[in-house]
Structure formats: structure tokens, C-alpha cells
């Protein structure tokens, strides 16, 4: 069972993702409401994958992505954001994100992406 850390400031989005993932055989090992907490939870739980929002208070997802990939260059991080601007997507990919999903997303799209990333 693949272990996932969910990092998103919206409690509703964390719950939605947790439900989708658990229904499809993933284990959600932790949740974080911002990038700073996400980094700590990554160190603590060593998940197989991370879903990471971009726009969050205290520390945004791009900053957290950089910190996690510096600690663990093999980290599998999937960025998720309602902001689909090309420059943000490019920045995320250049800094180690494995994939970028634009909100709102559908369950099959999320599960297919995480299964693909898990197999990498």
C-alpha cells in the first residue's frame, strides 16, 4: 500500500483527497495545512508520495517542494493548484515536482496520476 502525505490549507480538500485515496488503496499517513508543517510531516512519516497545494499561508507549496527535494531528491511530489499558469507549472516541474494537477480534478484523474507516479 502506497503511503501519501496530503498538504493543503483547505480542510475540505484534504478530506476529499483522503477519501479518494483511501477508497483506491492508498494509505494517507499524514495531512498538513501548510508547507512548513508538510516538511515536518515528510521527515516524520517518509511517505511514498506527496500531494502539495501551491497557495497556502505561512509557507507556499513551491517553497516546501524545494525544501523536500533538497532533503530527498527522490521525493515524489504531485503539485495541485487552481492556478494553472504556465510559469507556476514550469517552476514546480523545474524544482522537482513529478506532476501537476489543476483543481478542480476528478477522482479517476487523481488515482491514475498517483498510480503512474508510484510506478516511477
Protein backbone atom coordinates (compact mmCIF):
# COMPACT_ATOMS: atom_id res chain seq x y z
CA UNK A 1 0.00 0.00 0.00
CA UNK A 2 1.47 3.35 -1.05
CA UNK A 3 1.80 5.94 1.71
CA UNK A 4 0.70 9.51 0.89
CA UNK A 5 1.10 12.85 2.66
CA UNK A 6 -1.57 15.45 1.79
CA UNK A 7 -0.51 19.11 2.08
CA UNK A 8 -3.33 21.63 1.54
CA UNK A 9 -4.60 24.56 3.59
CA UNK A 10 -8.25 23.70 2.87
CA UNK A 11 -9.59 21.08 5.30
CA UNK A 12 -12.31 20.17 2.78
CA UNK A 13 -9.70 19.45 0.09
CA UNK A 14 -7.65 17.31 2.48
CA UNK A 15 -10.77 15.32 3.37
CA UNK A 16 -11.76 14.96 -0.30
CA UNK A 17 -8.30 13.71 -1.27
CA UNK A 18 -8.09 11.37 1.74
CA UNK A 19 -11.44 9.82 0.81
CA UNK A 20 -10.43 9.38 -2.86
CA UNK A 21 -7.06 7.87 -2.00
CA UNK A 22 -8.21 5.51 0.75
CA UNK A 23 -11.08 4.29 -1.45
CA UNK A 24 -8.46 3.35 -4.06
CA UNK A 25 -5.94 1.51 -1.91
CA UNK A 26 -3.62 4.31 -0.80
CA UNK A 27 -2.72 4.92 2.85
CA UNK A 28 -2.82 8.55 3.94
CA UNK A 29 -0.11 8.68 6.61
CA UNK A 30 -0.48 12.37 7.46
CA UNK A 31 -2.01 15.70 6.50
CA UNK A 32 -0.56 19.20 6.72
CA UNK A 33 -2.21 22.62 6.44
CA UNK A 34 0.83 24.47 5.04
CA UNK A 35 4.26 23.84 3.58
CA UNK A 36 6.17 24.23 6.86
CA UNK A 37 4.07 21.53 8.55
CA UNK A 38 4.31 19.48 5.35
CA UNK A 39 8.11 19.42 5.55
CA UNK A 40 8.00 18.24 9.18
CA UNK A 41 5.42 15.55 8.37
CA UNK A 42 7.52 14.41 5.38
CA UNK A 43 10.55 13.92 7.65
CA UNK A 44 8.46 12.18 10.28
CA UNK A 45 6.48 9.80 8.03
CA UNK A 46 8.70 9.34 4.94
CA UNK A 47 5.71 8.89 2.59
CA UNK A 48 5.99 7.34 -0.86
CA UNK A 49 4.25 10.38 -2.39
CA UNK A 50 3.05 13.87 -1.51
CA UNK A 51 0.13 15.85 -2.90
CA UNK A 52 1.03 19.53 -2.46
CA UNK A 53 -1.14 22.62 -2.89
CA UNK A 54 0.69 25.75 -4.06
CA UNK A 55 -1.10 28.67 -2.43
CA UNK A 56 -1.02 28.26 1.35
CA UNK A 57 -0.39 30.53 4.35
CA UNK A 58 2.92 30.52 6.25
CA UNK A 59 4.81 28.56 3.55
CA UNK A 60 3.66 28.01 -0.03
CA UNK A 61 3.91 24.72 -1.90
CA UNK A 62 6.80 25.71 -4.19
CA UNK A 63 8.99 26.64 -1.18
CA UNK A 64 8.06 23.36 0.56
CA UNK A 65 8.71 21.42 -2.68
CA UNK A 66 12.22 22.90 -2.87
CA UNK A 67 12.95 22.05 0.78
CA UNK A 68 11.70 18.46 0.50
CA UNK A 69 13.53 17.73 -2.75
CA UNK A 70 16.72 19.20 -1.25
CA UNK A 71 16.40 16.70 1.66
CA UNK A 72 15.26 13.86 -0.59
CA UNK A 73 15.96 14.26 -4.32
CA UNK A 74 13.88 11.12 -5.00
CA UNK A 75 10.73 12.58 -3.37
CA UNK A 76 7.60 12.04 -5.46
CA UNK A 77 5.60 15.24 -5.19
CA UNK A 78 2.43 15.96 -7.18
CA UNK A 79 1.52 19.65 -7.19
CA UNK A 80 -2.18 20.53 -7.09
CA UNK A 81 -3.49 24.02 -7.61
CA UNK A 82 -6.33 26.00 -9.08
CA UNK A 83 -3.68 28.23 -10.61
CA UNK A 84 -2.85 26.76 -13.98
CA UNK A 85 -0.45 29.48 -15.12
CA UNK A 86 2.36 28.15 -17.25
CA UNK A 87 5.11 29.89 -15.24
CA UNK A 88 3.98 28.27 -11.97
CA UNK A 89 3.75 24.82 -13.57
CA UNK A 90 7.22 25.28 -15.08
CA UNK A 91 8.64 26.44 -11.73
CA UNK A 92 7.14 23.40 -9.96
CA UNK A 93 8.49 20.92 -12.52
CA UNK A 94 11.95 22.55 -12.59
CA UNK A 95 12.09 22.26 -8.80
CA UNK A 96 11.33 18.56 -8.69
CA UNK A 97 7.56 18.09 -8.94
CA UNK A 98 6.72 14.86 -10.73
CA UNK A 99 3.33 16.05 -11.99
CA UNK A 100 0.92 18.97 -11.82
CA UNK A 101 -2.86 18.58 -11.41
CA UNK A 102 -5.14 21.58 -11.87
CA UNK A 103 -8.11 21.91 -9.49
CA UNK A 104 -10.90 21.03 -9.72
CA UNK A 105 -9.92 17.48 -10.63
CA UNK A 106 -11.83 14.23 -10.98
CA UNK A 107 -11.11 11.11 -8.93
CA UNK A 108 -10.04 8.92 -11.89
CA UNK A 109 -7.50 11.57 -12.94
CA UNK A 110 -6.01 11.76 -9.41
CA UNK A 111 -5.81 7.98 -8.99
CA UNK A 112 -4.34 7.41 -12.46
CA UNK A 113 -1.69 10.08 -11.82
CA UNK A 114 -0.71 8.72 -8.39
CA UNK A 115 -0.54 5.16 -9.71
CA UNK A 116 1.70 6.37 -12.55
CA UNK A 117 3.96 8.30 -10.16
CA UNK A 118 4.09 5.35 -7.72
CA UNK A 119 5.40 3.13 -10.54
CA UNK A 120 8.27 5.53 -11.33
